């Protein structure tokens, strides 16, 4: 079960989920993790242009909530990459529906990459 660090607005599961995931960057980071980005520099290369300070804060929040985990891939100097937990991978259908809705209702949206829409985690 995912833990939120924020004081909940209500017991509504939608409100709780939005408290954790509802800012302009967090679901984009989950998207990037789902399509294979793992390292800090990979996330900085996304077309949305997140700043390093916001990226560090959002990754720490996802880690603290149990949505993502940080894994060391190099000891000296110490370097990390990120991966989704089971709770994070469970967001795939939600993001697939966001893609469907955006493609259907918002002009100019691009098709998702590769097998993103047909995947099941």
PDB file of N, CA and C in Angstrom:
ATOM      1  N   UNK A   1       0.848  -1.181   0.000  1.00  0.00           N
ATOM      2  CA  UNK A   1       0.000   0.000   0.000  1.00  0.00           C
ATOM      3  C   UNK A   1       0.890   1.239   0.000  1.00  0.00           C
ATOM      4  N   UNK A   2       0.544   2.193  -0.817  1.00  0.00           N
ATOM      5  CA  UNK A   2       1.303   3.441  -0.952  1.00  0.00           C
ATOM      6  C   UNK A   2       0.993   4.356   0.228  1.00  0.00           C
ATOM      7  N   UNK A   3       2.024   4.964   0.780  1.00  0.00           N
ATOM      8  CA  UNK A   3       1.872   5.924   1.875  1.00  0.00           C
ATOM      9  C   UNK A   3       1.984   7.337   1.317  1.00  0.00           C
ATOM     10  N   UNK A   4       1.083   8.215   1.729  1.00  0.00           N
ATOM     11  CA  UNK A   4       1.219   9.613   1.323  1.00  0.00           C
ATOM     12  C   UNK A   4       1.857  10.391   2.460  1.00  0.00           C
ATOM     13  N   UNK A   5       2.682  11.344   2.109  1.00  0.00           N
ATOM     14  CA  UNK A   5       3.375  12.150   3.109  1.00  0.00           C
ATOM     15  C   UNK A   5       2.585  13.398   3.467  1.00  0.00           C
ATOM     16  N   UNK A   6       1.556  13.664   2.697  1.00  0.00           N
ATOM     17  CA  UNK A   6       0.773  14.873   2.887  1.00  0.00           C
ATOM     18  C   UNK A   6      -0.448  14.589   3.740  1.00  0.00           C
ATOM     19  N   UNK A   7      -0.926  15.603   4.427  1.00  0.00           N
ATOM     20  CA  UNK A   7      -2.173  15.463   5.175  1.00  0.00           C
ATOM     21  C   UNK A   7      -3.311  15.381   4.162  1.00  0.00           C
ATOM     22  N   UNK A   8      -4.100  14.300   4.211  1.00  0.00           N
ATOM     23  CA  UNK A   8      -5.161  14.141   3.216  1.00  0.00           C
ATOM     24  C   UNK A   8      -6.254  15.197   3.354  1.00  0.00           C
ATOM     25  N   UNK A   9      -6.812  15.572   2.203  1.00  0.00           N
ATOM     26  CA  UNK A   9      -7.918  16.524   2.188  1.00  0.00           C
ATOM     27  C   UNK A   9      -9.207  15.865   2.635  1.00  0.00           C
ATOM     28  N   UNK A  10      -9.335  14.566   2.312  1.00  0.00           N
ATOM     29  CA  UNK A  10     -10.520  13.801   2.677  1.00  0.00           C
ATOM     30  C   UNK A  10     -10.156  12.329   2.567  1.00  0.00           C
ATOM     31  N   UNK A  11     -11.101  11.462   2.864  1.00  0.00           N
ATOM     32  CA  UNK A  11     -10.867  10.022   2.746  1.00  0.00           C
ATOM     33  C   UNK A  11     -11.122   9.522   1.323  1.00  0.00           C
ATOM     34  N   UNK A  12     -11.456  10.407   0.417  1.00  0.00           N
ATOM     35  CA  UNK A  12     -11.747  10.032  -0.971  1.00  0.00           C
ATOM     36  C   UNK A  12     -10.479   9.486  -1.638  1.00  0.00           C
ATOM     37  N   UNK A  13     -10.540   8.289  -2.247  1.00  0.00           N
ATOM     38  CA  UNK A  13      -9.349   7.735  -2.893  1.00  0.00           C
ATOM     39  C   UNK A  13      -8.870   8.569  -4.083  1.00  0.00           C
ATOM     40  N   UNK A  14      -9.770   9.262  -4.761  1.00  0.00           N
ATOM     41  CA  UNK A  14      -9.361  10.131  -5.869  1.00  0.00           C
ATOM     42  C   UNK A  14      -8.568  11.312  -5.320  1.00  0.00           C
ATOM     43  N   UNK A  15      -9.048  11.919  -4.241  1.00  0.00           N
ATOM     44  CA  UNK A  15      -8.329  13.039  -3.625  1.00  0.00           C
ATOM     45  C   UNK A  15      -6.953  12.594  -3.138  1.00  0.00           C
ATOM     46  N   UNK A  16      -6.883  11.432  -2.489  1.00  0.00           N
ATOM     47  CA  UNK A  16      -5.591  10.915  -2.017  1.00  0.00           C
ATOM     48  C   UNK A  16      -4.638  10.685  -3.187  1.00  0.00           C
ATOM     49  N   UNK A  17      -5.140  10.075  -4.248  1.00  0.00           N
ATOM     50  CA  UNK A  17      -4.302   9.799  -5.421  1.00  0.00           C
ATOM     51  C   UNK A  17      -3.809  11.090  -6.050  1.00  0.00           C
ATOM     52  N   UNK A  18      -4.693  12.081  -6.142  1.00  0.00           N
ATOM     53  CA  UNK A  18      -4.285  13.371  -6.701  1.00  0.00           C
ATOM     54  C   UNK A  18      -3.271  14.082  -5.814  1.00  0.00           C
ATOM     55  N   UNK A  19      -3.389  13.918  -4.498  1.00  0.00           N
ATOM     56  CA  UNK A  19      -2.401  14.520  -3.600  1.00  0.00           C
ATOM     57  C   UNK A  19      -1.002  13.990  -3.907  1.00  0.00           C
ATOM     58  N   UNK A  20      -0.898  12.729  -4.255  1.00  0.00           N
ATOM     59  CA  UNK A  20       0.398  12.130  -4.557  1.00  0.00           C
ATOM     60  C   UNK A  20       0.814  12.335  -6.011  1.00  0.00           C
ATOM     61  N   UNK A  21      -0.125  12.178  -6.945  1.00  0.00           N
ATOM     62  CA  UNK A  21       0.213  12.102  -8.367  1.00  0.00           C
ATOM     63  C   UNK A  21      -0.253  13.288  -9.198  1.00  0.00           C
ATOM     64  N   UNK A  22      -0.997  14.212  -8.613  1.00  0.00           N
ATOM     65  CA  UNK A  22      -1.732  15.194  -9.392  1.00  0.00           C
ATOM     66  C   UNK A  22      -1.019  16.462  -9.796  1.00  0.00           C
ATOM     67  N   UNK A  23       0.281  16.584  -9.542  1.00  0.00           N
ATOM     68  CA  UNK A  23       0.969  17.790 -10.011  1.00  0.00           C
ATOM     69  C   UNK A  23       1.327  17.631 -11.489  1.00  0.00           C
ATOM     70  N   UNK A  24       1.963  18.615 -12.075  1.00  0.00           N
ATOM     71  CA  UNK A  24       2.211  18.581 -13.525  1.00  0.00           C
ATOM     72  C   UNK A  24       3.362  17.675 -13.931  1.00  0.00           C
ATOM     73  N   UNK A  25       4.136  17.117 -12.983  1.00  0.00           N
ATOM     74  CA  UNK A  25       5.317  16.335 -13.345  1.00  0.00           C
ATOM     75  C   UNK A  25       5.258  14.857 -12.975  1.00  0.00           C
ATOM     76  N   UNK A  26       4.576  14.494 -11.926  1.00  0.00           N
ATOM     77  CA  UNK A  26       4.712  13.151 -11.362  1.00  0.00           C
ATOM     78  C   UNK A  26       4.275  12.056 -12.323  1.00  0.00           C
ATOM     79  N   UNK A  27       3.122  12.175 -12.945  1.00  0.00           N
ATOM     80  CA  UNK A  27       2.686  11.130 -13.885  1.00  0.00           C
ATOM     81  C   UNK A  27       3.582  11.076 -15.114  1.00  0.00           C
ATOM     82  N   UNK A  28       4.189  12.200 -15.482  1.00  0.00           N
ATOM     83  CA  UNK A  28       5.136  12.172 -16.601  1.00  0.00           C
ATOM     84  C   UNK A  28       6.386  11.379 -16.230  1.00  0.00           C
ATOM     85  N   UNK A  29       6.811  11.465 -14.984  1.00  0.00           N
ATOM     86  CA  UNK A  29       7.943  10.643 -14.534  1.00  0.00           C
ATOM     87  C   UNK A  29       7.568   9.165 -14.511  1.00  0.00           C
ATOM     88  N   UNK A  30       6.358   8.856 -14.069  1.00  0.00           N
ATOM     89  CA  UNK A  30       5.889   7.463 -14.099  1.00  0.00           C
ATOM     90  C   UNK A  30       5.845   6.981 -15.542  1.00  0.00           C
ATOM     91  N   UNK A  31       5.349   7.815 -16.453  1.00  0.00           N
ATOM     92  CA  UNK A  31       5.350   7.473 -17.882  1.00  0.00           C
ATOM     93  C   UNK A  31       6.761   7.145 -18.353  1.00  0.00           C
ATOM     94  N   UNK A  32       7.710   8.016 -18.019  1.00  0.00           N
ATOM     95  CA  UNK A  32       9.092   7.802 -18.449  1.00  0.00           C
ATOM     96  C   UNK A  32       9.655   6.498 -17.885  1.00  0.00           C
ATOM     97  N   UNK A  33       9.354   6.200 -16.638  1.00  0.00           N
ATOM     98  CA  UNK A  33       9.798   4.933 -16.051  1.00  0.00           C
ATOM     99  C   UNK A  33       9.159   3.746 -16.766  1.00  0.00           C
ATOM    100  N   UNK A  34       7.900   3.876 -17.131  1.00  0.00           N
ATOM    101  CA  UNK A  34       7.206   2.793 -17.840  1.00  0.00           C
ATOM    102  C   UNK A  34       7.792   2.538 -19.224  1.00  0.00           C
ATOM    103  N   UNK A  35       8.341   3.566 -19.859  1.00  0.00           N
ATOM    104  CA  UNK A  35       8.915   3.374 -21.201  1.00  0.00           C
ATOM    105  C   UNK A  35      10.419   3.123 -21.161  1.00  0.00           C
ATOM    106  N   UNK A  36      10.976   2.946 -19.964  1.00  0.00           N
ATOM    107  CA  UNK A  36      12.353   2.494 -19.867  1.00  0.00           C
ATOM    108  C   UNK A  36      13.392   3.491 -19.410  1.00  0.00           C
ATOM    109  N   UNK A  37      12.996   4.711 -19.118  1.00  0.00           N
ATOM    110  CA  UNK A  37      13.978   5.660 -18.585  1.00  0.00           C
ATOM    111  C   UNK A  37      14.263   5.271 -17.137  1.00  0.00           C
ATOM    112  N   UNK A  38      15.536   5.384 -16.747  1.00  0.00           N
ATOM    113  CA  UNK A  38      15.925   4.933 -15.415  1.00  0.00           C
ATOM    114  C   UNK A  38      16.792   5.935 -14.658  1.00  0.00           C
ATOM    115  N   UNK A  39      17.582   6.696 -15.386  1.00  0.00           N
ATOM    116  CA  UNK A  39      18.588   7.538 -14.739  1.00  0.00           C
ATOM    117  C   UNK A  39      18.197   9.011 -14.800  1.00  0.00           C
ATOM    118  N   UNK A  40      18.738   9.758 -13.839  1.00  0.00           N
ATOM    119  CA  UNK A  40      18.417  11.178 -13.694  1.00  0.00           C
ATOM    120  C   UNK A  40      18.532  11.913 -15.023  1.00  0.00           C
ATOM    121  N   UNK A  41      19.625  11.708 -15.735  1.00  0.00           N
ATOM    122  CA  UNK A  41      19.831  12.370 -17.023  1.00  0.00           C
ATOM    123  C   UNK A  41      18.814  11.967 -18.069  1.00  0.00           C
ATOM    124  N   UNK A  42      18.329  10.716 -17.994  1.00  0.00           N
ATOM    125  CA  UNK A  42      17.290  10.263 -18.928  1.00  0.00           C
ATOM    126  C   UNK A  42      16.025  11.103 -18.769  1.00  0.00           C
ATOM    127  N   UNK A  43      15.644  11.351 -17.509  1.00  0.00           N
ATOM    128  CA  UNK A  43      14.431  12.136 -17.244  1.00  0.00           C
ATOM    129  C   UNK A  43      14.601  13.581 -17.710  1.00  0.00           C
ATOM    130  N   UNK A  44      15.803  14.118 -17.529  1.00  0.00           N
ATOM    131  CA  UNK A  44      16.062  15.499 -17.964  1.00  0.00           C
ATOM    132  C   UNK A  44      15.956  15.641 -19.473  1.00  0.00           C
ATOM    133  N   UNK A  45      16.128  14.558 -20.212  1.00  0.00           N
ATOM    134  CA  UNK A  45      16.043  14.594 -21.666  1.00  0.00           C
ATOM    135  C   UNK A  45      14.630  14.552 -22.224  1.00  0.00           C
ATOM    136  N   UNK A  46      13.632  14.391 -21.372  1.00  0.00           N
ATOM    137  CA  UNK A  46      12.243  14.363 -21.855  1.00  0.00           C
ATOM    138  C   UNK A  46      11.844  15.725 -22.398  1.00  0.00           C
ATOM    139  N   UNK A  47      10.956  15.725 -23.373  1.00  0.00           N
ATOM    140  CA  UNK A  47      10.606  16.977 -24.058  1.00  0.00           C
ATOM    141  C   UNK A  47       9.899  17.991 -23.163  1.00  0.00           C
ATOM    142  N   UNK A  48       9.403  17.576 -22.018  1.00  0.00           N
ATOM    143  CA  UNK A  48       8.711  18.522 -21.138  1.00  0.00           C
ATOM    144  C   UNK A  48       9.663  19.430 -20.355  1.00  0.00           C
ATOM    145  N   UNK A  49      10.940  19.099 -20.301  1.00  0.00           N
ATOM    146  CA  UNK A  49      11.981  19.957 -19.718  1.00  0.00           C
ATOM    147  C   UNK A  49      11.798  20.235 -18.222  1.00  0.00           C
ATOM    148  N   UNK A  50      11.763  19.209 -17.423  1.00  0.00           N
ATOM    149  CA  UNK A  50      11.697  19.360 -15.967  1.00  0.00           C
ATOM    150  C   UNK A  50      13.033  19.904 -15.456  1.00  0.00           C
ATOM    151  N   UNK A  51      12.997  20.730 -14.431  1.00  0.00           N
ATOM    152  CA  UNK A  51      14.240  21.244 -13.846  1.00  0.00           C
ATOM    153  C   UNK A  51      14.843  20.194 -12.913  1.00  0.00           C
ATOM    154  N   UNK A  52      16.134  20.310 -12.657  1.00  0.00           N
ATOM    155  CA  UNK A  52      16.802  19.317 -11.807  1.00  0.00           C
ATOM    156  C   UNK A  52      16.247  19.314 -10.389  1.00  0.00           C
ATOM    157  N   UNK A  53      15.937  20.478  -9.847  1.00  0.00           N
ATOM    158  CA  UNK A  53      15.422  20.528  -8.472  1.00  0.00           C
ATOM    159  C   UNK A  53      14.038  19.897  -8.370  1.00  0.00           C
ATOM    160  N   UNK A  54      13.174  20.175  -9.330  1.00  0.00           N
ATOM    161  CA  UNK A  54      11.837  19.571  -9.323  1.00  0.00           C
ATOM    162  C   UNK A  54      11.950  18.066  -9.542  1.00  0.00           C
ATOM    163  N   UNK A  55      12.811  17.647 -10.457  1.00  0.00           N
ATOM    164  CA  UNK A  55      13.002  16.222 -10.714  1.00  0.00           C
ATOM    165  C   UNK A  55      13.457  15.497  -9.454  1.00  0.00           C
ATOM    166  N   UNK A  56      14.452  16.034  -8.777  1.00  0.00           N
ATOM    167  CA  UNK A  56      14.956  15.398  -7.552  1.00  0.00           C
ATOM    168  C   UNK A  56      13.857  15.294  -6.504  1.00  0.00           C
ATOM    169  N   UNK A  57      13.068  16.339  -6.351  1.00  0.00           N
ATOM    170  CA  UNK A  57      11.992  16.336  -5.353  1.00  0.00           C
ATOM    171  C   UNK A  57      10.911  15.322  -5.702  1.00  0.00           C
ATOM    172  N   UNK A  58      10.509  15.256  -6.978  1.00  0.00           N
ATOM    173  CA  UNK A  58       9.457  14.317  -7.381  1.00  0.00           C
ATOM    174  C   UNK A  58       9.927  12.864  -7.273  1.00  0.00           C
ATOM    175  N   UNK A  59      11.170  12.597  -7.653  1.00  0.00           N
ATOM    176  CA  UNK A  59      11.690  11.233  -7.515  1.00  0.00           C
ATOM    177  C   UNK A  59      11.745  10.827  -6.043  1.00  0.00           C
ATOM    178  N   UNK A  60      12.171  11.735  -5.179  1.00  0.00           N
ATOM    179  CA  UNK A  60      12.209  11.447  -3.742  1.00  0.00           C
ATOM    180  C   UNK A  60      10.804  11.194  -3.206  1.00  0.00           C
ATOM    181  N   UNK A  61       9.837  11.958  -3.690  1.00  0.00           N
ATOM    182  CA  UNK A  61       8.458  11.770  -3.232  1.00  0.00           C
ATOM    183  C   UNK A  61       7.905  10.423  -3.697  1.00  0.00           C
ATOM    184  N   UNK A  62       8.176  10.057  -4.959  1.00  0.00           N
ATOM    185  CA  UNK A  62       7.728   8.753  -5.459  1.00  0.00           C
ATOM    186  C   UNK A  62       8.390   7.616  -4.690  1.00  0.00           C
ATOM    187  N   UNK A  63       9.645   7.789  -4.351  1.00  0.00           N
ATOM    188  CA  UNK A  63      10.354   6.770  -3.581  1.00  0.00           C
ATOM    189  C   UNK A  63       9.776   6.660  -2.168  1.00  0.00           C
ATOM    190  N   UNK A  64       9.573   7.785  -1.509  1.00  0.00           N
ATOM    191  CA  UNK A  64       9.033   7.785  -0.148  1.00  0.00           C
ATOM    192  C   UNK A  64       7.630   7.187  -0.092  1.00  0.00           C
ATOM    193  N   UNK A  65       6.864   7.365  -1.162  1.00  0.00           N
ATOM    194  CA  UNK A  65       5.494   6.846  -1.211  1.00  0.00           C
ATOM    195  C   UNK A  65       5.440   5.377  -1.616  1.00  0.00           C
ATOM    196  N   UNK A  66       6.572   4.805  -2.028  1.00  0.00           N
ATOM    197  CA  UNK A  66       6.576   3.403  -2.432  1.00  0.00           C
ATOM    198  C   UNK A  66       6.131   3.165  -3.858  1.00  0.00           C
ATOM    199  N   UNK A  67       6.138   4.205  -4.682  1.00  0.00           N
ATOM    200  CA  UNK A  67       5.753   4.080  -6.089  1.00  0.00           C
ATOM    201  C   UNK A  67       6.975   3.744  -6.946  1.00  0.00           C
ATOM    202  N   UNK A  68       8.133   4.241  -6.540  1.00  0.00           N
ATOM    203  CA  UNK A  68       9.394   3.960  -7.239  1.00  0.00           C
ATOM    204  C   UNK A  68      10.451   3.636  -6.192  1.00  0.00           C
ATOM    205  N   UNK A  69      11.522   3.005  -6.644  1.00  0.00           N
ATOM    206  CA  UNK A  69      12.652   2.747  -5.750  1.00  0.00           C
ATOM    207  C   UNK A  69      13.946   3.134  -6.446  1.00  0.00           C
ATOM    208  N   UNK A  70      14.912   3.525  -5.620  1.00  0.00           N
ATOM    209  CA  UNK A  70      16.231   3.931  -6.095  1.00  0.00           C
ATOM    210  C   UNK A  70      17.172   2.741  -5.920  1.00  0.00           C
ATOM    211  N   UNK A  71      17.906   2.408  -6.988  1.00  0.00           N
ATOM    212  CA  UNK A  71      18.807   1.258  -6.977  1.00  0.00           C
ATOM    213  C   UNK A  71      20.193   1.736  -7.400  1.00  0.00           C
ATOM    214  N   UNK A  72      21.208   1.401  -6.606  1.00  0.00           N
ATOM    215  CA  UNK A  72      22.579   1.787  -6.950  1.00  0.00           C
ATOM    216  C   UNK A  72      23.046   0.969  -8.150  1.00  0.00           C
ATOM    217  N   UNK A  73      23.650   1.637  -9.133  1.00  0.00           N
ATOM    218  CA  UNK A  73      24.230   0.919 -10.267  1.00  0.00           C
ATOM    219  C   UNK A  73      25.732   1.149 -10.354  1.00  0.00           C
ATOM    220  N   UNK A  74      26.267   2.031  -9.515  1.00  0.00           N
ATOM    221  CA  UNK A  74      27.706   2.295  -9.486  1.00  0.00           C
ATOM    222  C   UNK A  74      28.079   2.682  -8.059  1.00  0.00           C
ATOM    223  N   UNK A  75      29.225   2.174  -7.594  1.00  0.00           N
ATOM    224  CA  UNK A  75      29.620   2.426  -6.209  1.00  0.00           C
ATOM    225  C   UNK A  75      30.449   3.696  -6.061  1.00  0.00           C
ATOM    226  N   UNK A  76      31.469   3.885  -6.906  1.00  0.00           N
ATOM    227  CA  UNK A  76      32.320   5.076  -6.810  1.00  0.00           C
ATOM    228  C   UNK A  76      32.419   5.767  -8.144  1.00  0.00           C
ATOM    229  N   UNK A  77      31.965   6.963  -8.308  1.00  0.00           N
ATOM    230  CA  UNK A  77      31.084   7.636  -7.362  1.00  0.00           C
ATOM    231  C   UNK A  77      29.723   6.954  -7.340  1.00  0.00           C
ATOM    232  N   UNK A  78      29.050   7.087  -6.224  1.00  0.00           N
ATOM    233  CA  UNK A  78      27.758   6.424  -6.067  1.00  0.00           C
ATOM    234  C   UNK A  78      26.740   7.035  -7.030  1.00  0.00           C
ATOM    235  N   UNK A  79      26.131   6.171  -7.818  1.00  0.00           N
ATOM    236  CA  UNK A  79      25.108   6.604  -8.782  1.00  0.00           C
ATOM    237  C   UNK A  79      23.918   5.659  -8.695  1.00  0.00           C
ATOM    238  N   UNK A  80      22.757   6.233  -8.973  1.00  0.00           N
ATOM    239  CA  UNK A  80      21.517   5.475  -8.821  1.00  0.00           C
ATOM    240  C   UNK A  80      20.687   5.527 -10.090  1.00  0.00           C
ATOM    241  N   UNK A  81      19.833   4.539 -10.225  1.00  0.00           N
ATOM    242  CA  UNK A  81      18.770   4.581 -11.220  1.00  0.00           C
ATOM    243  C   UNK A  81      17.477   4.253 -10.492  1.00  0.00           C
ATOM    244  N   UNK A  82      16.383   4.476 -11.159  1.00  0.00           N
ATOM    245  CA  UNK A  82      15.071   4.320 -10.540  1.00  0.00           C
ATOM    246  C   UNK A  82      14.274   3.270 -11.290  1.00  0.00           C
ATOM    247  N   UNK A  83      13.410   2.589 -10.550  1.00  0.00           N
ATOM    248  CA  UNK A  83      12.492   1.631 -11.154  1.00  0.00           C
ATOM    249  C   UNK A  83      11.169   1.710 -10.409  1.00  0.00           C
ATOM    250  N   UNK A  84      10.116   1.320 -11.091  1.00  0.00           N
ATOM    251  CA  UNK A  84       8.798   1.332 -10.466  1.00  0.00           C
ATOM    252  C   UNK A  84       8.629   0.112  -9.575  1.00  0.00           C
ATOM    253  N   UNK A  85       7.913   0.306  -8.495  1.00  0.00           N
ATOM    254  CA  UNK A  85       7.505  -0.801  -7.639  1.00  0.00           C
ATOM    255  C   UNK A  85       6.230  -1.401  -8.239  1.00  0.00           C
ATOM    256  N   UNK A  86       5.692  -2.395  -7.580  1.00  0.00           N
ATOM    257  CA  UNK A  86       4.421  -2.967  -8.026  1.00  0.00           C
ATOM    258  C   UNK A  86       3.333  -1.892  -8.053  1.00  0.00           C
ATOM    259  N   UNK A  87       3.316  -1.039  -7.039  1.00  0.00           N
ATOM    260  CA  UNK A  87       2.321   0.045  -7.002  1.00  0.00           C
ATOM    261  C   UNK A  87       2.510   1.000  -8.175  1.00  0.00           C
ATOM    262  N   UNK A  88       3.745   1.283  -8.532  1.00  0.00           N
ATOM    263  CA  UNK A  88       4.016   2.159  -9.674  1.00  0.00           C
ATOM    264  C   UNK A  88       3.621   1.522 -10.991  1.00  0.00           C
ATOM    265  N   UNK A  89       3.943   0.236 -11.155  1.00  0.00           N
ATOM    266  CA  UNK A  89       3.573  -0.466 -12.395  1.00  0.00           C
ATOM    267  C   UNK A  89       2.057  -0.575 -12.540  1.00  0.00           C
ATOM    268  N   UNK A  90       1.352  -0.571 -11.417  1.00  0.00           N
ATOM    269  CA  UNK A  90      -0.113  -0.641 -11.455  1.00  0.00           C
ATOM    270  C   UNK A  90      -0.735   0.620 -12.050  1.00  0.00           C
ATOM    271  N   UNK A  91       0.058   1.669 -12.243  1.00  0.00           N
ATOM    272  CA  UNK A  91      -0.442   2.902 -12.860  1.00  0.00           C
ATOM    273  C   UNK A  91      -0.502   2.817 -14.381  1.00  0.00           C
ATOM    274  N   UNK A  92       0.059   1.763 -14.981  1.00  0.00           N
ATOM    275  CA  UNK A  92       0.059   1.639 -16.443  1.00  0.00           C
ATOM    276  C   UNK A  92      -1.336   1.783 -17.048  1.00  0.00           C
ATOM    277  N   UNK A  93      -2.361   1.049 -16.579  1.00  0.00           N
ATOM    278  CA  UNK A  93      -3.690   1.206 -17.201  1.00  0.00           C
ATOM    279  C   UNK A  93      -4.237   2.634 -17.105  1.00  0.00           C
ATOM    280  N   UNK A  94      -3.943   3.314 -16.010  1.00  0.00           N
ATOM    281  CA  UNK A  94      -4.379   4.704 -15.861  1.00  0.00           C
ATOM    282  C   UNK A  94      -3.732   5.582 -16.929  1.00  0.00           C
ATOM    283  N   UNK A  95      -2.423   5.420 -17.135  1.00  0.00           N
ATOM    284  CA  UNK A  95      -1.733   6.226 -18.141  1.00  0.00           C
ATOM    285  C   UNK A  95      -2.163   5.847 -19.551  1.00  0.00           C
ATOM    286  N   UNK A  96      -2.466   4.579 -19.777  1.00  0.00           N
ATOM    287  CA  UNK A  96      -2.992   4.175 -21.087  1.00  0.00           C
ATOM    288  C   UNK A  96      -4.330   4.860 -21.352  1.00  0.00           C
ATOM    289  N   UNK A  97      -5.167   4.948 -20.343  1.00  0.00           N
ATOM    290  CA  UNK A  97      -6.455   5.634 -20.509  1.00  0.00           C
ATOM    291  C   UNK A  97      -6.263   7.132 -20.728  1.00  0.00           C
ATOM    292  N   UNK A  98      -5.311   7.752 -20.043  1.00  0.00           N
ATOM    293  CA  UNK A  98      -4.988   9.157 -20.311  1.00  0.00           C
ATOM    294  C   UNK A  98      -4.599   9.333 -21.773  1.00  0.00           C
ATOM    295  N   UNK A  99      -3.783   8.411 -22.294  1.00  0.00           N
ATOM    296  CA  UNK A  99      -3.378   8.482 -23.709  1.00  0.00           C
ATOM    297  C   UNK A  99      -4.586   8.356 -24.629  1.00  0.00           C
ATOM    298  N   UNK A 100      -5.429   7.369 -24.367  1.00  0.00           N
ATOM    299  CA  UNK A 100      -6.628   7.179 -25.197  1.00  0.00           C
ATOM    300  C   UNK A 100      -7.485   8.440 -25.193  1.00  0.00           C
ATOM    301  N   UNK A 101      -7.732   8.958 -24.004  1.00  0.00           N
ATOM    302  CA  UNK A 101      -8.579  10.134 -23.874  1.00  0.00           C
ATOM    303  C   UNK A 101      -7.946  11.322 -24.604  1.00  0.00           C
ATOM    304  N   UNK A 102      -6.666  11.551 -24.385  1.00  0.00           N
ATOM    305  CA  UNK A 102      -5.982  12.668 -25.043  1.00  0.00           C
ATOM    306  C   UNK A 102      -6.003  12.544 -26.556  1.00  0.00           C
ATOM    307  N   UNK A 103      -5.732  11.328 -27.072  1.00  0.00           N
ATOM    308  CA  UNK A 103      -5.754  11.123 -28.524  1.00  0.00           C
ATOM    309  C   UNK A 103      -7.147  11.326 -29.096  1.00  0.00           C
ATOM    310  N   UNK A 104      -8.156  10.975 -28.327  1.00  0.00           N
ATOM    311  CA  UNK A 104      -9.533  11.088 -28.794  1.00  0.00           C
ATOM    312  C   UNK A 104     -10.084  12.513 -28.709  1.00  0.00           C
ATOM    313  N   UNK A 105      -9.678  13.259 -27.694  1.00  0.00           N
ATOM    314  CA  UNK A 105     -10.348  14.524 -27.394  1.00  0.00           C
ATOM    315  C   UNK A 105      -9.482  15.775 -27.496  1.00  0.00           C
ATOM    316  N   UNK A 106      -8.170  15.634 -27.681  1.00  0.00           N
ATOM    317  CA  UNK A 106      -7.299  16.809 -27.743  1.00  0.00           C
ATOM    318  C   UNK A 106      -6.541  16.788 -29.063  1.00  0.00           C
ATOM    319  N   UNK A 107      -6.818  17.770 -29.895  1.00  0.00           N
ATOM    320  CA  UNK A 107      -6.159  17.848 -31.205  1.00  0.00           C
ATOM    321  C   UNK A 107      -4.657  18.038 -31.036  1.00  0.00           C
ATOM    322  N   UNK A 108      -3.901  17.396 -31.915  1.00  0.00           N
ATOM    323  CA  UNK A 108      -2.460  17.584 -31.938  1.00  0.00           C
ATOM    324  C   UNK A 108      -1.667  16.695 -31.001  1.00  0.00           C
ATOM    325  N   UNK A 109      -2.336  15.779 -30.300  1.00  0.00           N
ATOM    326  CA  UNK A 109      -1.573  14.881 -29.423  1.00  0.00           C
ATOM    327  C   UNK A 109      -0.968  13.758 -30.242  1.00  0.00           C
ATOM    328  N   UNK A 110       0.207  13.303 -29.825  1.00  0.00           N
ATOM    329  CA  UNK A 110       0.911  12.256 -30.568  1.00  0.00           C
ATOM    330  C   UNK A 110       0.490  10.873 -30.085  1.00  0.00           C
ATOM    331  N   UNK A 111       0.731   9.900 -30.908  1.00  0.00           N
ATOM    332  CA  UNK A 111       0.477   8.515 -30.516  1.00  0.00           C
ATOM    333  C   UNK A 111       1.565   8.086 -29.539  1.00  0.00           C
ATOM    334  N   UNK A 112       1.227   7.269 -28.551  1.00  0.00           N
ATOM    335  CA  UNK A 112       2.231   6.797 -27.599  1.00  0.00           C
ATOM    336  C   UNK A 112       3.280   5.925 -28.283  1.00  0.00           C
ATOM    337  N   UNK A 113       4.477   5.858 -27.702  1.00  0.00           N
ATOM    338  CA  UNK A 113       5.561   5.101 -28.333  1.00  0.00           C
ATOM    339  C   UNK A 113       5.347   3.589 -28.303  1.00  0.00           C
ATOM    340  N   UNK A 114       5.816   2.935 -29.344  1.00  0.00           N
ATOM    341  CA  UNK A 114       5.897   1.472 -29.401  1.00  0.00           C
ATOM    342  C   UNK A 114       4.663   0.732 -28.940  1.00  0.00           C
ATOM    343  N   UNK A 115       4.882  -0.187 -28.028  1.00  0.00           N
ATOM    344  CA  UNK A 115       3.812  -1.066 -27.554  1.00  0.00           C
ATOM    345  C   UNK A 115       3.139  -0.543 -26.284  1.00  0.00           C
ATOM    346  N   UNK A 116       3.302   0.731 -25.988  1.00  0.00           N
ATOM    347  CA  UNK A 116       2.793   1.280 -24.729  1.00  0.00           C
ATOM    348  C   UNK A 116       1.315   0.964 -24.514  1.00  0.00           C
ATOM    349  N   UNK A 117       0.505   1.105 -25.533  1.00  0.00           N
ATOM    350  CA  UNK A 117      -0.939   0.929 -25.370  1.00  0.00           C
ATOM    351  C   UNK A 117      -1.350  -0.534 -25.247  1.00  0.00           C
ATOM    352  N   UNK A 118      -0.555  -1.449 -25.753  1.00  0.00           N
ATOM    353  CA  UNK A 118      -0.939  -2.864 -25.698  1.00  0.00           C
ATOM    354  C   UNK A 118      -0.285  -3.612 -24.543  1.00  0.00           C
ATOM    355  N   UNK A 119       0.603  -2.941 -23.823  1.00  0.00           N
ATOM    356  CA  UNK A 119       1.301  -3.600 -22.716  1.00  0.00           C
ATOM    357  C   UNK A 119       0.387  -3.837 -21.537  1.00  0.00           C
ATOM    358  N   UNK A 120       0.728  -4.849 -20.775  1.00  0.00           N
ATOM    359  CA  UNK A 120       0.107  -5.059 -19.466  1.00  0.00           C
ATOM    360  C   UNK A 120       1.234  -5.435 -18.519  1.00  0.00           C
ATOM    361  N   UNK A 121       1.345  -4.729 -17.431  1.00  0.00           N
ATOM    362  CA  UNK A 121       2.448  -4.972 -16.483  1.00  0.00           C
ATOM    363  C   UNK A 121       2.070  -6.042 -15.511  1.00  0.00           C
TER     364      UNK A 121
END
